[in-house]
């Protein structure tokens, strides 16, 4: 197998099956935050979803994730990082193995602006419930958001209900501090590990979180919003389309509480 780069052919060692899986978007992946003390944040939740994704591809889960966890902990403890790390685990079905990669990562320090349009809506495929290698739709939406000087794109359903962004789940905050997030019931969106973590631990975090259908027509009733995923944890949202949100945002304090508990 060769790669055309800088007007030359470079031979690469990856197998044909692995390259084929990547090129065709076959596979599922998880992205996990590695703390400076070598903790793999929400590892069990990530691995549970990865297993579900592997089964969605029609494959049997034969990977020893306990051994993988121990090997990764040993590596990160032996090679301490001065920064947080982004750990990518990618499952390739033809070879039935995991690709493991990691990169330095910095938490976002500014609120996000989300681009919103009703020109594009999402269909109802079940694959949206998993993190698949088929990313063209997300890439298109991300590029559209950036072209409009926004950080991410708010995805909506065919009946104009809020789903998620290309990279994260979304939560809205009412005047009475009640937090609401789009329901995953019969909806084409990912149940993010941080999303479910907030719902499961809402009493410990001293919040009230409700899952419900949220129409884009009702965004104006909220005064705060934030987005979540396993890497950024929680990031406040300052703007969605024409709607502006309060600068004071519960998202920052939620993130601090979660970081303190690691």
C-alpha atoms as a PDB file:
ATOM      1  CA  UNK A   1       0.000   0.000   0.000  1.00  0.00           C
ATOM      2  CA  UNK A   2       1.342   3.444  -0.933  1.00  0.00           C
ATOM      3  CA  UNK A   3       0.607   7.049  -0.022  1.00  0.00           C
ATOM      4  CA  UNK A   4       1.132   9.950  -2.453  1.00  0.00           C
ATOM      5  CA  UNK A   5       2.828  12.742  -0.519  1.00  0.00           C
ATOM      6  CA  UNK A   6       5.070  15.623  -1.587  1.00  0.00           C
ATOM      7  CA  UNK A   7       5.152  14.339  -5.186  1.00  0.00           C
ATOM      8  CA  UNK A   8       6.454  10.940  -4.063  1.00  0.00           C
ATOM      9  CA  UNK A   9       5.009   7.489  -3.355  1.00  0.00           C
ATOM     10  CA  UNK A  10       5.520   6.405   0.256  1.00  0.00           C
ATOM     11  CA  UNK A  11       5.030   2.780   1.258  1.00  0.00           C
ATOM     12  CA  UNK A  12       2.906   2.362   4.388  1.00  0.00           C
ATOM     13  CA  UNK A  13       2.736  -0.740   6.551  1.00  0.00           C
ATOM     14  CA  UNK A  14      -0.971  -0.766   7.486  1.00  0.00           C
ATOM     15  CA  UNK A  15      -2.793  -3.824   6.210  1.00  0.00           C
ATOM     16  CA  UNK A  16      -5.177  -3.663   3.273  1.00  0.00           C
ATOM     17  CA  UNK A  17      -8.115  -4.599   5.496  1.00  0.00           C
ATOM     18  CA  UNK A  18      -7.390  -1.805   7.983  1.00  0.00           C
ATOM     19  CA  UNK A  19      -7.044   0.802   5.249  1.00  0.00           C
ATOM     20  CA  UNK A  20     -10.206  -0.485   3.564  1.00  0.00           C
ATOM     21  CA  UNK A  21     -12.186  -0.155   6.808  1.00  0.00           C
ATOM     22  CA  UNK A  22     -10.947   3.396   7.332  1.00  0.00           C
ATOM     23  CA  UNK A  23     -11.600   4.501   3.752  1.00  0.00           C
ATOM     24  CA  UNK A  24     -15.115   3.053   3.750  1.00  0.00           C
ATOM     25  CA  UNK A  25     -16.042   4.452   7.156  1.00  0.00           C
ATOM     26  CA  UNK A  26     -16.397   0.969   8.625  1.00  0.00           C
ATOM     27  CA  UNK A  27     -15.821   0.957  12.340  1.00  0.00           C
ATOM     28  CA  UNK A  28     -16.726   2.528  15.644  1.00  0.00           C
ATOM     29  CA  UNK A  29     -14.597   4.512  18.062  1.00  0.00           C
ATOM     30  CA  UNK A  30     -14.464   6.118  21.480  1.00  0.00           C
ATOM     31  CA  UNK A  31     -12.540   9.181  22.607  1.00  0.00           C
ATOM     32  CA  UNK A  32     -11.494   9.163  26.267  1.00  0.00           C
ATOM     33  CA  UNK A  33      -9.969  11.887  28.442  1.00  0.00           C
ATOM     34  CA  UNK A  34      -6.748  10.887  30.198  1.00  0.00           C
ATOM     35  CA  UNK A  35      -6.002  13.028  33.250  1.00  0.00           C
ATOM     36  CA  UNK A  36      -2.525  14.058  34.385  1.00  0.00           C
ATOM     37  CA  UNK A  37      -2.638  11.390  37.111  1.00  0.00           C
ATOM     38  CA  UNK A  38      -3.311   8.718  34.447  1.00  0.00           C
ATOM     39  CA  UNK A  39      -7.022   8.291  35.136  1.00  0.00           C
ATOM     40  CA  UNK A  40      -9.085   7.165  32.135  1.00  0.00           C
ATOM     41  CA  UNK A  41     -12.191   9.296  32.679  1.00  0.00           C
ATOM     42  CA  UNK A  42     -15.468   7.323  32.556  1.00  0.00           C
ATOM     43  CA  UNK A  43     -13.648   4.313  31.092  1.00  0.00           C
ATOM     44  CA  UNK A  44     -16.393   1.800  31.903  1.00  0.00           C
ATOM     45  CA  UNK A  45     -19.091   3.903  30.251  1.00  0.00           C
ATOM     46  CA  UNK A  46     -16.984   4.415  27.126  1.00  0.00           C
ATOM     47  CA  UNK A  47     -16.181   0.716  26.827  1.00  0.00           C
ATOM     48  CA  UNK A  48     -19.811  -0.281  27.311  1.00  0.00           C
ATOM     49  CA  UNK A  49     -20.816   1.954  24.399  1.00  0.00           C
ATOM     50  CA  UNK A  50     -17.905   0.700  22.289  1.00  0.00           C
ATOM     51  CA  UNK A  51     -19.066  -2.878  22.876  1.00  0.00           C
ATOM     52  CA  UNK A  52     -22.577  -1.910  21.798  1.00  0.00           C
ATOM     53  CA  UNK A  53     -21.142  -0.346  18.650  1.00  0.00           C
ATOM     54  CA  UNK A  54     -19.148  -3.488  17.849  1.00  0.00           C
ATOM     55  CA  UNK A  55     -22.310  -5.563  18.236  1.00  0.00           C
ATOM     56  CA  UNK A  56     -24.173  -3.092  15.998  1.00  0.00           C
ATOM     57  CA  UNK A  57     -21.616  -3.962  13.294  1.00  0.00           C
ATOM     58  CA  UNK A  58     -22.611  -7.616  13.686  1.00  0.00           C
ATOM     59  CA  UNK A  59     -19.374  -8.648  15.397  1.00  0.00           C
ATOM     60  CA  UNK A  60     -18.771 -10.549  18.612  1.00  0.00           C
ATOM     61  CA  UNK A  61     -16.822  -8.708  21.301  1.00  0.00           C
ATOM     62  CA  UNK A  62     -13.642 -10.742  21.912  1.00  0.00           C
ATOM     63  CA  UNK A  63     -11.366  -7.948  23.142  1.00  0.00           C
ATOM     64  CA  UNK A  64      -9.987  -8.147  26.685  1.00  0.00           C
ATOM     65  CA  UNK A  65     -10.728  -4.597  27.788  1.00  0.00           C
ATOM     66  CA  UNK A  66      -9.538  -5.228  31.356  1.00  0.00           C
ATOM     67  CA  UNK A  67      -6.074  -6.127  30.062  1.00  0.00           C
ATOM     68  CA  UNK A  68      -6.142  -3.121  27.731  1.00  0.00           C
ATOM     69  CA  UNK A  69      -7.059  -0.811  30.624  1.00  0.00           C
ATOM     70  CA  UNK A  70      -4.212  -2.159  32.768  1.00  0.00           C
ATOM     71  CA  UNK A  71      -1.721  -1.825  29.907  1.00  0.00           C
ATOM     72  CA  UNK A  72      -2.768   1.770  29.239  1.00  0.00           C
ATOM     73  CA  UNK A  73      -2.549   2.706  32.921  1.00  0.00           C
ATOM     74  CA  UNK A  74       0.932   1.170  33.112  1.00  0.00           C
ATOM     75  CA  UNK A  75       2.006   3.108  30.025  1.00  0.00           C
ATOM     76  CA  UNK A  76       0.631   6.478  31.157  1.00  0.00           C
ATOM     77  CA  UNK A  77       2.069   6.071  34.660  1.00  0.00           C
ATOM     78  CA  UNK A  78       5.474   5.165  33.211  1.00  0.00           C
ATOM     79  CA  UNK A  79       5.307   8.037  30.719  1.00  0.00           C
ATOM     80  CA  UNK A  80       3.654  10.894  32.636  1.00  0.00           C
ATOM     81  CA  UNK A  81       2.210  13.731  30.579  1.00  0.00           C
ATOM     82  CA  UNK A  82       2.327  17.411  31.468  1.00  0.00           C
ATOM     83  CA  UNK A  83      -1.033  17.875  29.745  1.00  0.00           C
ATOM     84  CA  UNK A  84      -4.349  16.108  29.491  1.00  0.00           C
ATOM     85  CA  UNK A  85      -4.487  13.505  26.738  1.00  0.00           C
ATOM     86  CA  UNK A  86      -7.121  12.514  24.194  1.00  0.00           C
ATOM     87  CA  UNK A  87      -7.175   8.724  23.883  1.00  0.00           C
ATOM     88  CA  UNK A  88      -8.773   7.310  20.721  1.00  0.00           C
ATOM     89  CA  UNK A  89      -9.856   3.656  20.558  1.00  0.00           C
ATOM     90  CA  UNK A  90     -10.963   2.672  17.043  1.00  0.00           C
ATOM     91  CA  UNK A  91     -12.449  -0.748  16.260  1.00  0.00           C
ATOM     92  CA  UNK A  92     -11.883  -2.034  12.710  1.00  0.00           C
ATOM     93  CA  UNK A  93     -14.220  -4.966  11.934  1.00  0.00           C
ATOM     94  CA  UNK A  94     -12.366  -6.743   9.120  1.00  0.00           C
ATOM     95  CA  UNK A  95      -9.292  -7.336  11.270  1.00  0.00           C
ATOM     96  CA  UNK A  96     -11.288  -7.428  14.522  1.00  0.00           C
ATOM     97  CA  UNK A  97      -8.812  -5.285  16.427  1.00  0.00           C
ATOM     98  CA  UNK A  98      -8.436  -1.895  18.060  1.00  0.00           C
ATOM     99  CA  UNK A  99      -6.297   0.989  16.883  1.00  0.00           C
ATOM    100  CA  UNK A 100      -4.999   2.946  19.912  1.00  0.00           C
ATOM    101  CA  UNK A 101      -3.816   6.538  19.538  1.00  0.00           C
ATOM    102  CA  UNK A 102      -3.400   9.453  21.940  1.00  0.00           C
ATOM    103  CA  UNK A 103      -2.686  13.163  21.597  1.00  0.00           C
ATOM    104  CA  UNK A 104      -2.229  16.199  23.890  1.00  0.00           C
ATOM    105  CA  UNK A 105      -5.508  17.919  24.738  1.00  0.00           C
ATOM    106  CA  UNK A 106      -6.535  21.252  26.268  1.00  0.00           C
ATOM    107  CA  UNK A 107      -9.958  21.928  27.743  1.00  0.00           C
ATOM    108  CA  UNK A 108     -11.867  24.781  26.056  1.00  0.00           C
ATOM    109  CA  UNK A 109     -11.719  28.009  28.039  1.00  0.00           C
ATOM    110  CA  UNK A 110     -14.298  30.050  26.115  1.00  0.00           C
ATOM    111  CA  UNK A 111     -18.033  29.485  25.595  1.00  0.00           C
ATOM    112  CA  UNK A 112     -19.126  28.043  22.261  1.00  0.00           C
ATOM    113  CA  UNK A 113     -21.196  29.669  19.534  1.00  0.00           C
ATOM    114  CA  UNK A 114     -23.520  27.288  17.681  1.00  0.00           C
ATOM    115  CA  UNK A 115     -24.722  27.735  14.115  1.00  0.00           C
ATOM    116  CA  UNK A 116     -28.386  26.941  13.462  1.00  0.00           C
ATOM    117  CA  UNK A 117     -30.313  26.586  10.205  1.00  0.00           C
ATOM    118  CA  UNK A 118     -33.459  24.692   9.247  1.00  0.00           C
ATOM    119  CA  UNK A 119     -32.075  24.078   5.760  1.00  0.00           C
ATOM    120  CA  UNK A 120     -30.474  20.799   6.830  1.00  0.00           C
ATOM    121  CA  UNK A 121     -32.138  18.199   9.048  1.00  0.00           C
ATOM    122  CA  UNK A 122     -31.106  14.732  10.211  1.00  0.00           C
ATOM    123  CA  UNK A 123     -32.788  11.484   9.167  1.00  0.00           C
ATOM    124  CA  UNK A 124     -33.742   8.619  11.450  1.00  0.00           C
ATOM    125  CA  UNK A 125     -30.935   6.077  10.963  1.00  0.00           C
ATOM    126  CA  UNK A 126     -29.975   4.021  14.056  1.00  0.00           C
ATOM    127  CA  UNK A 127     -26.262   4.520  13.363  1.00  0.00           C
ATOM    128  CA  UNK A 128     -26.445   7.972  14.969  1.00  0.00           C
ATOM    129  CA  UNK A 129     -26.610   6.178  18.334  1.00  0.00           C
ATOM    130  CA  UNK A 130     -22.954   5.137  17.921  1.00  0.00           C
ATOM    131  CA  UNK A 131     -19.659   6.878  17.226  1.00  0.00           C
ATOM    132  CA  UNK A 132     -18.959   5.565  13.732  1.00  0.00           C
ATOM    133  CA  UNK A 133     -16.105   6.298  11.342  1.00  0.00           C
ATOM    134  CA  UNK A 134     -18.620   7.604   8.805  1.00  0.00           C
ATOM    135  CA  UNK A 135     -18.117  11.303   9.566  1.00  0.00           C
ATOM    136  CA  UNK A 136     -18.843  13.141   6.299  1.00  0.00           C
ATOM    137  CA  UNK A 137     -22.126  14.631   7.544  1.00  0.00           C
ATOM    138  CA  UNK A 138     -20.467  15.942  10.701  1.00  0.00           C
ATOM    139  CA  UNK A 139     -17.516  17.330   8.755  1.00  0.00           C
ATOM    140  CA  UNK A 140     -19.880  19.168   6.410  1.00  0.00           C
ATOM    141  CA  UNK A 141     -21.787  20.678   9.335  1.00  0.00           C
ATOM    142  CA  UNK A 142     -18.574  21.640  11.150  1.00  0.00           C
ATOM    143  CA  UNK A 143     -17.256  23.395   8.044  1.00  0.00           C
ATOM    144  CA  UNK A 144     -20.575  25.211   7.647  1.00  0.00           C
ATOM    145  CA  UNK A 145     -20.434  26.382  11.261  1.00  0.00           C
ATOM    146  CA  UNK A 146     -16.857  27.613  10.913  1.00  0.00           C
ATOM    147  CA  UNK A 147     -17.719  29.425   7.679  1.00  0.00           C
ATOM    148  CA  UNK A 148     -20.309  31.329   9.709  1.00  0.00           C
ATOM    149  CA  UNK A 149     -17.817  32.115  12.503  1.00  0.00           C
ATOM    150  CA  UNK A 150     -19.273  29.577  14.907  1.00  0.00           C
ATOM    151  CA  UNK A 151     -17.666  26.744  16.849  1.00  0.00           C
ATOM    152  CA  UNK A 152     -20.174  23.980  16.155  1.00  0.00           C
ATOM    153  CA  UNK A 153     -23.438  23.176  14.389  1.00  0.00           C
ATOM    154  CA  UNK A 154     -26.724  22.472  16.188  1.00  0.00           C
ATOM    155  CA  UNK A 155     -28.370  19.488  14.478  1.00  0.00           C
ATOM    156  CA  UNK A 156     -32.167  19.263  14.321  1.00  0.00           C
ATOM    157  CA  UNK A 157     -34.656  16.574  13.301  1.00  0.00           C
ATOM    158  CA  UNK A 158     -37.054  16.663  10.349  1.00  0.00           C
ATOM    159  CA  UNK A 159     -39.769  18.000  12.684  1.00  0.00           C
ATOM    160  CA  UNK A 160     -37.469  20.774  13.952  1.00  0.00           C
ATOM    161  CA  UNK A 161     -36.603  19.330  17.338  1.00  0.00           C
ATOM    162  CA  UNK A 162     -33.149  19.855  18.840  1.00  0.00           C
ATOM    163  CA  UNK A 163     -30.898  16.768  18.713  1.00  0.00           C
ATOM    164  CA  UNK A 164     -27.212  17.495  19.406  1.00  0.00           C
ATOM    165  CA  UNK A 165     -24.190  19.226  17.911  1.00  0.00           C
ATOM    166  CA  UNK A 166     -21.657  17.520  15.657  1.00  0.00           C
ATOM    167  CA  UNK A 167     -19.376  16.967  18.659  1.00  0.00           C
ATOM    168  CA  UNK A 168     -21.520  17.070  21.782  1.00  0.00           C
ATOM    169  CA  UNK A 169     -24.853  16.726  23.534  1.00  0.00           C
ATOM    170  CA  UNK A 170     -26.676  19.880  24.536  1.00  0.00           C
ATOM    171  CA  UNK A 171     -28.440  21.022  27.713  1.00  0.00           C
ATOM    172  CA  UNK A 172     -30.639  24.069  28.322  1.00  0.00           C
ATOM    173  CA  UNK A 173     -31.256  25.879  31.630  1.00  0.00           C
ATOM    174  CA  UNK A 174     -34.542  27.524  32.631  1.00  0.00           C
ATOM    175  CA  UNK A 175     -34.919  30.593  34.847  1.00  0.00           C
ATOM    176  CA  UNK A 176     -35.663  28.313  37.819  1.00  0.00           C
ATOM    177  CA  UNK A 177     -32.331  26.473  37.209  1.00  0.00           C
ATOM    178  CA  UNK A 178     -34.034  23.312  35.896  1.00  0.00           C
ATOM    179  CA  UNK A 179     -31.821  21.715  33.261  1.00  0.00           C
ATOM    180  CA  UNK A 180     -33.391  20.119  30.178  1.00  0.00           C
ATOM    181  CA  UNK A 181     -31.795  17.987  27.463  1.00  0.00           C
ATOM    182  CA  UNK A 182     -33.233  16.358  24.320  1.00  0.00           C
ATOM    183  CA  UNK A 183     -34.608  12.888  24.965  1.00  0.00           C
ATOM    184  CA  UNK A 184     -32.884   9.958  23.263  1.00  0.00           C
ATOM    185  CA  UNK A 185     -36.125   7.934  23.086  1.00  0.00           C
ATOM    186  CA  UNK A 186     -36.743   7.078  19.409  1.00  0.00           C
ATOM    187  CA  UNK A 187     -34.434   9.928  18.416  1.00  0.00           C
ATOM    188  CA  UNK A 188     -31.386   9.818  16.095  1.00  0.00           C
ATOM    189  CA  UNK A 189     -28.753  11.066  18.498  1.00  0.00           C
ATOM    190  CA  UNK A 190     -25.877   9.783  20.584  1.00  0.00           C
ATOM    191  CA  UNK A 191     -26.356   9.135  24.287  1.00  0.00           C
ATOM    192  CA  UNK A 192     -23.041  10.664  25.273  1.00  0.00           C
ATOM    193  CA  UNK A 193     -21.206   9.254  28.264  1.00  0.00           C
ATOM    194  CA  UNK A 194     -21.021  12.687  29.911  1.00  0.00           C
ATOM    195  CA  UNK A 195     -24.688  13.338  29.137  1.00  0.00           C
ATOM    196  CA  UNK A 196     -25.721  10.142  30.915  1.00  0.00           C
ATOM    197  CA  UNK A 197     -23.232  10.778  33.722  1.00  0.00           C
ATOM    198  CA  UNK A 198     -24.883  14.152  34.468  1.00  0.00           C
ATOM    199  CA  UNK A 199     -28.329  12.555  34.475  1.00  0.00           C
ATOM    200  CA  UNK A 200     -27.224   9.669  36.709  1.00  0.00           C
ATOM    201  CA  UNK A 201     -25.359  11.860  39.213  1.00  0.00           C
ATOM    202  CA  UNK A 202     -27.655  14.892  39.264  1.00  0.00           C
ATOM    203  CA  UNK A 203     -28.344  14.558  42.995  1.00  0.00           C
ATOM    204  CA  UNK A 204     -24.633  14.522  43.847  1.00  0.00           C
ATOM    205  CA  UNK A 205     -24.110  17.512  41.545  1.00  0.00           C
ATOM    206  CA  UNK A 206     -27.087  19.336  43.116  1.00  0.00           C
ATOM    207  CA  UNK A 207     -28.914  19.819  39.823  1.00  0.00           C
ATOM    208  CA  UNK A 208     -32.282  18.792  38.410  1.00  0.00           C
ATOM    209  CA  UNK A 209     -32.103  17.394  34.881  1.00  0.00           C
ATOM    210  CA  UNK A 210     -35.085  16.474  32.695  1.00  0.00           C
ATOM    211  CA  UNK A 211     -35.080  14.628  29.357  1.00  0.00           C
ATOM    212  CA  UNK A 212     -37.721  15.924  26.945  1.00  0.00           C
ATOM    213  CA  UNK A 213     -38.486  16.902  23.369  1.00  0.00           C
ATOM    214  CA  UNK A 214     -37.189  20.426  22.718  1.00  0.00           C
ATOM    215  CA  UNK A 215     -38.337  22.368  19.652  1.00  0.00           C
ATOM    216  CA  UNK A 216     -36.064  24.965  18.099  1.00  0.00           C
ATOM    217  CA  UNK A 217     -39.046  27.313  18.409  1.00  0.00           C
ATOM    218  CA  UNK A 218     -38.681  27.140  22.200  1.00  0.00           C
ATOM    219  CA  UNK A 219     -34.980  27.936  22.499  1.00  0.00           C
ATOM    220  CA  UNK A 220     -35.857  31.491  23.528  1.00  0.00           C
ATOM    221  CA  UNK A 221     -37.424  30.323  26.831  1.00  0.00           C
ATOM    222  CA  UNK A 222     -34.006  29.319  28.199  1.00  0.00           C
ATOM    223  CA  UNK A 223     -31.424  31.709  29.619  1.00  0.00           C
ATOM    224  CA  UNK A 224     -28.427  29.350  29.629  1.00  0.00           C
ATOM    225  CA  UNK A 225     -27.143  26.440  27.580  1.00  0.00           C
ATOM    226  CA  UNK A 226     -24.101  24.187  27.634  1.00  0.00           C
ATOM    227  CA  UNK A 227     -22.704  21.271  25.649  1.00  0.00           C
ATOM    228  CA  UNK A 228     -21.042  18.106  26.926  1.00  0.00           C
ATOM    229  CA  UNK A 229     -18.843  15.268  25.771  1.00  0.00           C
ATOM    230  CA  UNK A 230     -16.268  12.975  27.320  1.00  0.00           C
ATOM    231  CA  UNK A 231     -13.378  15.255  26.347  1.00  0.00           C
ATOM    232  CA  UNK A 232     -14.512  18.824  26.915  1.00  0.00           C
ATOM    233  CA  UNK A 233     -16.669  17.640  29.862  1.00  0.00           C
ATOM    234  CA  UNK A 234     -18.897  20.742  30.011  1.00  0.00           C
ATOM    235  CA  UNK A 235     -18.638  23.891  27.888  1.00  0.00           C
ATOM    236  CA  UNK A 236     -21.088  26.807  28.173  1.00  0.00           C
ATOM    237  CA  UNK A 237     -22.844  28.109  25.056  1.00  0.00           C
ATOM    238  CA  UNK A 238     -22.987  31.861  24.496  1.00  0.00           C
ATOM    239  CA  UNK A 239     -25.116  31.897  21.343  1.00  0.00           C
ATOM    240  CA  UNK A 240     -27.326  29.671  19.177  1.00  0.00           C
ATOM    241  CA  UNK A 241     -28.291  31.330  15.913  1.00  0.00           C
ATOM    242  CA  UNK A 242     -29.961  34.615  16.847  1.00  0.00           C
ATOM    243  CA  UNK A 243     -30.348  33.723  20.534  1.00  0.00           C
ATOM    244  CA  UNK A 244     -27.855  35.003  23.096  1.00  0.00           C
ATOM    245  CA  UNK A 245     -27.385  33.395  26.519  1.00  0.00           C
ATOM    246  CA  UNK A 246     -26.227  34.724  29.887  1.00  0.00           C
ATOM    247  CA  UNK A 247     -22.488  35.112  30.408  1.00  0.00           C
ATOM    248  CA  UNK A 248     -22.882  33.625  33.896  1.00  0.00           C
ATOM    249  CA  UNK A 249     -23.271  29.930  33.161  1.00  0.00           C
ATOM    250  CA  UNK A 250     -23.707  26.881  35.371  1.00  0.00           C
ATOM    251  CA  UNK A 251     -21.599  24.949  32.882  1.00  0.00           C
ATOM    252  CA  UNK A 252     -18.292  26.235  34.257  1.00  0.00           C
ATOM    253  CA  UNK A 253     -19.150  25.287  37.845  1.00  0.00           C
ATOM    254  CA  UNK A 254     -20.367  21.857  36.729  1.00  0.00           C
ATOM    255  CA  UNK A 255     -17.094  21.253  34.935  1.00  0.00           C
ATOM    256  CA  UNK A 256     -15.104  22.348  37.987  1.00  0.00           C
ATOM    257  CA  UNK A 257     -17.096  19.986  40.215  1.00  0.00           C
ATOM    258  CA  UNK A 258     -16.462  17.050  37.888  1.00  0.00           C
ATOM    259  CA  UNK A 259     -12.753  17.853  37.547  1.00  0.00           C
ATOM    260  CA  UNK A 260     -12.407  18.096  41.330  1.00  0.00           C
ATOM    261  CA  UNK A 261     -13.902  14.622  41.695  1.00  0.00           C
ATOM    262  CA  UNK A 262     -11.359  12.963  39.378  1.00  0.00           C
END
